[in-house]
């Protein structure tokens, strides 16, 4: 396992904890906080998957499927006492788009900076 994949492994483990903690273990928070958490979590998953050099299509399709599956599992795994939420799945997809956007923007900026340093020598 290369060092590039470790952040993605950490993000996946974090997502499992966040998405599948029973309702009794979820701390209370102001309304809407869960949507922010979902967005940031899926942005992190997308960015770290791309950092690990997974293909863009694989990342997007895989994470959109994971978003949908996680909501279905929250609904059907009775001991969790959680409910699936279509809006959470949609916010997850927004997070994927945000992660892809940020990763590509940062990558573009780094490549431009490296190119500028090489050409200025």
N, C-alpha and C. Protein backbone atom coordinates (compact mmCIF):
# COMPACT_ATOMS: atom_id res chain seq x y z
N UNK A 1 0.85 -1.17 0.00
CA UNK A 1 0.00 0.00 0.00
C UNK A 1 0.90 1.24 0.00
N UNK A 2 0.64 2.13 -0.93
CA UNK A 2 1.44 3.34 -1.00
C UNK A 2 0.90 4.40 -0.05
N UNK A 3 1.74 5.35 0.24
CA UNK A 3 1.35 6.43 1.16
C UNK A 3 0.21 7.27 0.59
N UNK A 4 0.07 7.31 -0.72
CA UNK A 4 -1.00 8.11 -1.32
C UNK A 4 -2.39 7.57 -1.02
N UNK A 5 -2.49 6.29 -0.73
CA UNK A 5 -3.81 5.71 -0.48
C UNK A 5 -4.24 5.84 0.99
N UNK A 6 -3.30 6.08 1.89
CA UNK A 6 -3.63 6.13 3.31
C UNK A 6 -4.66 7.21 3.66
N UNK A 7 -4.58 8.42 3.11
CA UNK A 7 -5.63 9.40 3.42
C UNK A 7 -7.02 8.93 2.98
N UNK A 8 -7.10 8.24 1.86
CA UNK A 8 -8.39 7.71 1.41
C UNK A 8 -8.89 6.62 2.36
N UNK A 9 -8.02 5.75 2.79
CA UNK A 9 -8.41 4.70 3.74
C UNK A 9 -8.93 5.35 5.03
N UNK A 10 -8.23 6.38 5.51
CA UNK A 10 -8.69 7.11 6.69
C UNK A 10 -10.07 7.72 6.45
N UNK A 11 -10.26 8.34 5.28
CA UNK A 11 -11.55 8.97 4.95
C UNK A 11 -12.68 7.94 4.89
N UNK A 12 -12.40 6.77 4.34
CA UNK A 12 -13.42 5.71 4.27
C UNK A 12 -13.79 5.25 5.69
N UNK A 13 -12.78 5.04 6.52
CA UNK A 13 -13.06 4.62 7.90
C UNK A 13 -13.86 5.69 8.64
N UNK A 14 -13.50 6.93 8.45
CA UNK A 14 -14.25 8.04 9.06
C UNK A 14 -15.70 8.04 8.57
N UNK A 15 -15.88 7.80 7.28
CA UNK A 15 -17.25 7.80 6.72
C UNK A 15 -18.08 6.67 7.32
N UNK A 16 -17.48 5.54 7.52
CA UNK A 16 -18.21 4.41 8.11
C UNK A 16 -18.66 4.77 9.53
N UNK A 17 -17.77 5.41 10.28
CA UNK A 17 -18.12 5.82 11.65
C UNK A 17 -19.25 6.85 11.62
N UNK A 18 -19.10 7.87 10.78
CA UNK A 18 -20.08 8.96 10.73
C UNK A 18 -21.44 8.46 10.22
N UNK A 19 -21.42 7.66 9.17
CA UNK A 19 -22.67 7.26 8.53
C UNK A 19 -23.39 6.12 9.22
N UNK A 20 -22.66 5.30 9.96
CA UNK A 20 -23.27 4.09 10.53
C UNK A 20 -23.22 4.02 12.05
N UNK A 21 -22.95 5.13 12.70
CA UNK A 21 -23.06 5.17 14.16
C UNK A 21 -24.54 5.14 14.50
N UNK A 22 -24.94 4.31 15.45
CA UNK A 22 -26.36 4.29 15.84
C UNK A 22 -26.82 5.68 16.29
N UNK A 23 -28.09 5.94 16.10
CA UNK A 23 -28.66 7.25 16.43
C UNK A 23 -28.33 7.68 17.85
N UNK A 24 -28.29 6.73 18.77
CA UNK A 24 -28.01 7.06 20.17
C UNK A 24 -26.60 7.61 20.36
N UNK A 25 -25.69 7.31 19.43
CA UNK A 25 -24.31 7.78 19.54
C UNK A 25 -24.03 9.06 18.76
N UNK A 26 -25.04 9.58 18.08
CA UNK A 26 -24.87 10.80 17.29
C UNK A 26 -25.12 12.00 18.20
N UNK A 27 -24.13 12.90 18.32
CA UNK A 27 -24.33 14.04 19.21
C UNK A 27 -25.40 15.00 18.67
N UNK A 28 -26.08 15.67 19.57
CA UNK A 28 -27.07 16.66 19.12
C UNK A 28 -26.32 17.87 18.56
N UNK A 29 -26.94 18.52 17.60
CA UNK A 29 -26.31 19.66 16.95
C UNK A 29 -27.39 20.56 16.36
N UNK A 30 -27.00 21.78 16.01
CA UNK A 30 -27.98 22.69 15.41
C UNK A 30 -28.53 22.13 14.09
N UNK A 31 -29.74 22.52 13.72
CA UNK A 31 -30.32 22.05 12.46
C UNK A 31 -29.41 22.38 11.27
N UNK A 32 -29.29 21.43 10.37
CA UNK A 32 -28.48 21.63 9.17
C UNK A 32 -27.04 21.19 9.30
N UNK A 33 -26.58 20.96 10.53
CA UNK A 33 -25.19 20.55 10.73
C UNK A 33 -24.90 19.24 10.02
N UNK A 34 -25.86 18.32 10.03
CA UNK A 34 -25.65 17.03 9.38
C UNK A 34 -25.41 17.20 7.88
N UNK A 35 -26.03 18.18 7.27
CA UNK A 35 -25.84 18.41 5.83
C UNK A 35 -24.42 18.90 5.56
N UNK A 36 -23.91 19.76 6.43
CA UNK A 36 -22.52 20.24 6.30
C UNK A 36 -21.56 19.07 6.47
N UNK A 37 -21.83 18.22 7.46
CA UNK A 37 -20.97 17.06 7.70
C UNK A 37 -20.98 16.14 6.48
N UNK A 38 -22.14 15.88 5.92
CA UNK A 38 -22.22 15.03 4.72
C UNK A 38 -21.43 15.63 3.57
N UNK A 39 -21.58 16.93 3.35
CA UNK A 39 -20.87 17.59 2.25
C UNK A 39 -19.37 17.48 2.42
N UNK A 40 -18.89 17.83 3.60
CA UNK A 40 -17.44 17.80 3.86
C UNK A 40 -16.91 16.37 3.78
N UNK A 41 -17.66 15.43 4.33
CA UNK A 41 -17.22 14.04 4.32
C UNK A 41 -17.05 13.52 2.90
N UNK A 42 -18.04 13.77 2.03
CA UNK A 42 -17.94 13.26 0.66
C UNK A 42 -16.94 14.06 -0.17
N UNK A 43 -16.73 15.32 0.15
CA UNK A 43 -15.67 16.09 -0.52
C UNK A 43 -14.31 15.49 -0.15
N UNK A 44 -14.14 15.13 1.12
CA UNK A 44 -12.91 14.50 1.58
C UNK A 44 -12.70 13.15 0.90
N UNK A 45 -13.75 12.36 0.81
CA UNK A 45 -13.64 11.07 0.12
C UNK A 45 -13.21 11.25 -1.33
N UNK A 46 -13.83 12.20 -2.02
CA UNK A 46 -13.51 12.42 -3.43
C UNK A 46 -12.08 12.90 -3.60
N UNK A 47 -11.68 13.89 -2.83
CA UNK A 47 -10.34 14.45 -2.97
C UNK A 47 -9.25 13.43 -2.64
N UNK A 48 -9.46 12.66 -1.57
CA UNK A 48 -8.44 11.68 -1.21
C UNK A 48 -8.40 10.51 -2.19
N UNK A 49 -9.54 10.16 -2.76
CA UNK A 49 -9.55 9.10 -3.79
C UNK A 49 -8.79 9.56 -5.02
N UNK A 50 -8.99 10.80 -5.41
CA UNK A 50 -8.25 11.34 -6.56
C UNK A 50 -6.76 11.46 -6.24
N UNK A 51 -6.44 11.85 -5.02
CA UNK A 51 -5.04 11.92 -4.59
C UNK A 51 -4.39 10.53 -4.68
N UNK A 52 -5.18 9.50 -4.38
CA UNK A 52 -4.69 8.12 -4.45
C UNK A 52 -4.60 7.62 -5.89
N UNK A 53 -4.91 8.51 -6.83
CA UNK A 53 -4.83 8.25 -8.27
C UNK A 53 -5.92 7.32 -8.79
N UNK A 54 -7.06 7.34 -8.14
CA UNK A 54 -8.21 6.63 -8.70
C UNK A 54 -8.73 7.48 -9.86
N UNK A 55 -9.30 6.85 -10.85
CA UNK A 55 -9.81 7.56 -12.00
C UNK A 55 -11.03 8.41 -11.64
N UNK A 56 -11.19 9.52 -12.33
CA UNK A 56 -12.28 10.45 -12.06
C UNK A 56 -13.64 9.76 -12.17
N UNK A 57 -13.86 9.03 -13.23
CA UNK A 57 -15.15 8.34 -13.42
C UNK A 57 -15.39 7.33 -12.30
N UNK A 58 -14.36 6.58 -11.94
CA UNK A 58 -14.48 5.60 -10.86
C UNK A 58 -14.84 6.29 -9.55
N UNK A 59 -14.20 7.41 -9.27
CA UNK A 59 -14.46 8.15 -8.03
C UNK A 59 -15.90 8.64 -8.00
N UNK A 60 -16.32 9.29 -9.07
CA UNK A 60 -17.67 9.87 -9.10
C UNK A 60 -18.74 8.79 -9.03
N UNK A 61 -18.63 7.78 -9.88
CA UNK A 61 -19.64 6.71 -9.88
C UNK A 61 -19.62 5.96 -8.55
N UNK A 62 -18.45 5.63 -8.06
CA UNK A 62 -18.34 4.89 -6.81
C UNK A 62 -18.91 5.65 -5.63
N UNK A 63 -18.60 6.94 -5.54
CA UNK A 63 -19.08 7.71 -4.39
C UNK A 63 -20.57 8.04 -4.49
N UNK A 64 -21.07 8.24 -5.69
CA UNK A 64 -22.52 8.44 -5.83
C UNK A 64 -23.25 7.16 -5.42
N UNK A 65 -22.72 6.02 -5.81
CA UNK A 65 -23.32 4.74 -5.39
C UNK A 65 -23.22 4.56 -3.88
N UNK A 66 -22.09 4.93 -3.30
CA UNK A 66 -21.90 4.83 -1.86
C UNK A 66 -22.88 5.75 -1.13
N UNK A 67 -23.10 6.94 -1.66
CA UNK A 67 -24.05 7.88 -1.06
C UNK A 67 -25.45 7.25 -1.00
N UNK A 68 -25.88 6.69 -2.11
CA UNK A 68 -27.21 6.08 -2.15
C UNK A 68 -27.28 4.85 -1.24
N UNK A 69 -26.28 3.99 -1.34
CA UNK A 69 -26.26 2.76 -0.55
C UNK A 69 -26.23 3.07 0.95
N UNK A 70 -25.46 4.07 1.35
CA UNK A 70 -25.36 4.39 2.78
C UNK A 70 -26.73 4.82 3.33
N UNK A 71 -27.48 5.56 2.55
CA UNK A 71 -28.80 5.99 3.01
C UNK A 71 -29.78 4.82 3.09
N UNK A 72 -29.70 3.92 2.12
CA UNK A 72 -30.54 2.72 2.16
C UNK A 72 -30.18 1.87 3.38
N UNK A 73 -28.90 1.68 3.62
CA UNK A 73 -28.46 0.87 4.77
C UNK A 73 -28.88 1.51 6.09
N UNK A 74 -28.80 2.84 6.18
CA UNK A 74 -29.24 3.50 7.40
C UNK A 74 -30.72 3.21 7.67
N UNK A 75 -31.48 3.10 6.61
CA UNK A 75 -32.91 2.84 6.74
C UNK A 75 -33.20 1.39 7.13
N UNK A 76 -32.46 0.44 6.56
CA UNK A 76 -32.82 -0.97 6.74
C UNK A 76 -32.09 -1.68 7.88
N UNK A 77 -30.99 -1.14 8.35
CA UNK A 77 -30.28 -1.78 9.47
C UNK A 77 -30.96 -1.32 10.75
N UNK A 78 -31.85 -2.13 11.23
CA UNK A 78 -32.73 -1.79 12.36
C UNK A 78 -31.97 -1.34 13.61
N UNK A 79 -30.89 -2.00 14.02
CA UNK A 79 -30.23 -1.58 15.27
C UNK A 79 -29.66 -0.15 15.22
N UNK A 80 -29.49 0.41 14.05
CA UNK A 80 -28.96 1.78 13.96
C UNK A 80 -29.98 2.82 14.41
N UNK A 81 -31.27 2.49 14.25
CA UNK A 81 -32.35 3.43 14.57
C UNK A 81 -32.16 4.76 13.85
N UNK A 82 -31.73 4.67 12.60
CA UNK A 82 -31.55 5.86 11.78
C UNK A 82 -32.48 5.74 10.58
N UNK A 83 -32.67 6.84 9.91
CA UNK A 83 -33.52 6.80 8.72
C UNK A 83 -32.73 7.30 7.52
N UNK A 84 -32.99 6.67 6.38
CA UNK A 84 -32.38 7.12 5.15
C UNK A 84 -33.00 8.44 4.72
N UNK A 85 -32.23 9.27 4.07
CA UNK A 85 -32.72 10.59 3.69
C UNK A 85 -32.21 10.91 2.28
N UNK A 86 -33.15 11.11 1.36
CA UNK A 86 -32.79 11.43 -0.02
C UNK A 86 -32.00 12.73 -0.07
N UNK A 87 -32.35 13.69 0.77
CA UNK A 87 -31.63 14.97 0.77
C UNK A 87 -30.18 14.75 1.20
N UNK A 88 -29.94 13.87 2.17
CA UNK A 88 -28.56 13.55 2.56
C UNK A 88 -27.79 12.98 1.37
N UNK A 89 -28.41 12.10 0.62
CA UNK A 89 -27.74 11.52 -0.56
C UNK A 89 -27.43 12.61 -1.58
N UNK A 90 -28.35 13.53 -1.78
CA UNK A 90 -28.10 14.64 -2.73
C UNK A 90 -26.98 15.54 -2.23
N UNK A 91 -26.95 15.80 -0.93
CA UNK A 91 -25.87 16.62 -0.36
C UNK A 91 -24.54 15.88 -0.49
N UNK A 92 -24.56 14.56 -0.36
CA UNK A 92 -23.34 13.76 -0.56
C UNK A 92 -22.81 13.97 -1.98
N UNK A 93 -23.69 13.98 -2.95
CA UNK A 93 -23.29 14.18 -4.35
C UNK A 93 -22.70 15.58 -4.53
N UNK A 94 -23.28 16.56 -3.87
CA UNK A 94 -22.71 17.91 -3.90
C UNK A 94 -21.29 17.88 -3.31
N UNK A 95 -21.11 17.12 -2.24
CA UNK A 95 -19.79 16.97 -1.64
C UNK A 95 -18.79 16.34 -2.59
N UNK A 96 -19.23 15.33 -3.33
CA UNK A 96 -18.36 14.70 -4.33
C UNK A 96 -17.93 15.74 -5.37
N UNK A 97 -18.89 16.51 -5.87
CA UNK A 97 -18.57 17.55 -6.87
C UNK A 97 -17.61 18.58 -6.28
N UNK A 98 -17.82 18.97 -5.04
CA UNK A 98 -16.94 19.93 -4.39
C UNK A 98 -15.53 19.37 -4.25
N UNK A 99 -15.42 18.12 -3.82
CA UNK A 99 -14.11 17.48 -3.68
C UNK A 99 -13.37 17.39 -4.99
N UNK A 100 -14.08 17.01 -6.05
CA UNK A 100 -13.46 16.94 -7.39
C UNK A 100 -13.02 18.32 -7.82
N UNK A 101 -13.88 19.32 -7.65
CA UNK A 101 -13.56 20.69 -8.05
C UNK A 101 -12.32 21.19 -7.30
N UNK A 102 -12.31 21.05 -5.99
CA UNK A 102 -11.18 21.54 -5.20
C UNK A 102 -9.89 20.80 -5.55
N UNK A 103 -9.98 19.50 -5.70
CA UNK A 103 -8.78 18.73 -6.03
C UNK A 103 -8.21 19.16 -7.38
N UNK A 104 -9.08 19.32 -8.37
CA UNK A 104 -8.58 19.71 -9.69
C UNK A 104 -8.05 21.14 -9.68
N UNK A 105 -8.69 22.05 -8.94
CA UNK A 105 -8.20 23.43 -8.86
C UNK A 105 -6.84 23.50 -8.18
N UNK A 106 -6.69 22.79 -7.07
CA UNK A 106 -5.41 22.78 -6.37
C UNK A 106 -4.36 22.13 -7.26
N UNK A 107 -4.71 21.03 -7.90
CA UNK A 107 -3.76 20.36 -8.80
C UNK A 107 -3.34 21.26 -9.94
N UNK A 108 -4.28 21.98 -10.52
CA UNK A 108 -3.94 22.92 -11.59
C UNK A 108 -3.00 24.01 -11.10
N UNK A 109 -3.27 24.52 -9.91
CA UNK A 109 -2.43 25.59 -9.35
C UNK A 109 -1.02 25.09 -9.08
N UNK A 110 -0.90 23.88 -8.57
CA UNK A 110 0.42 23.30 -8.29
C UNK A 110 1.18 23.07 -9.59
N UNK A 111 0.50 22.53 -10.60
CA UNK A 111 1.17 22.29 -11.89
C UNK A 111 1.61 23.60 -12.52
N UNK A 112 0.80 24.63 -12.45
CA UNK A 112 1.15 25.94 -13.01
C UNK A 112 2.36 26.51 -12.28
N UNK A 113 2.36 26.40 -10.98
CA UNK A 113 3.48 26.91 -10.19
C UNK A 113 4.77 26.18 -10.52
N UNK A 114 4.71 24.87 -10.65
CA UNK A 114 5.91 24.09 -11.01
C UNK A 114 6.41 24.47 -12.40
N UNK A 115 5.47 24.62 -13.34
CA UNK A 115 5.84 25.00 -14.71
C UNK A 115 6.48 26.39 -14.72
N UNK A 116 5.92 27.31 -13.96
CA UNK A 116 6.47 28.67 -13.90
C UNK A 116 7.87 28.67 -13.31
N UNK A 117 8.11 27.85 -12.30
CA UNK A 117 9.45 27.77 -11.70
C UNK A 117 10.46 27.21 -12.69
N UNK A 118 10.04 26.20 -13.46
CA UNK A 118 10.97 25.61 -14.44
C UNK A 118 11.31 26.59 -15.54
N UNK A 119 10.34 27.34 -16.00
CA UNK A 119 10.57 28.26 -17.13
C UNK A 119 11.29 29.53 -16.69
N UNK A 120 11.29 29.86 -15.39
CA UNK A 120 11.97 31.07 -14.93
C UNK A 120 13.44 30.83 -14.64
N UNK A 121 13.90 29.63 -14.73
CA UNK A 121 15.33 29.34 -14.44
C UNK A 121 16.19 29.64 -15.59
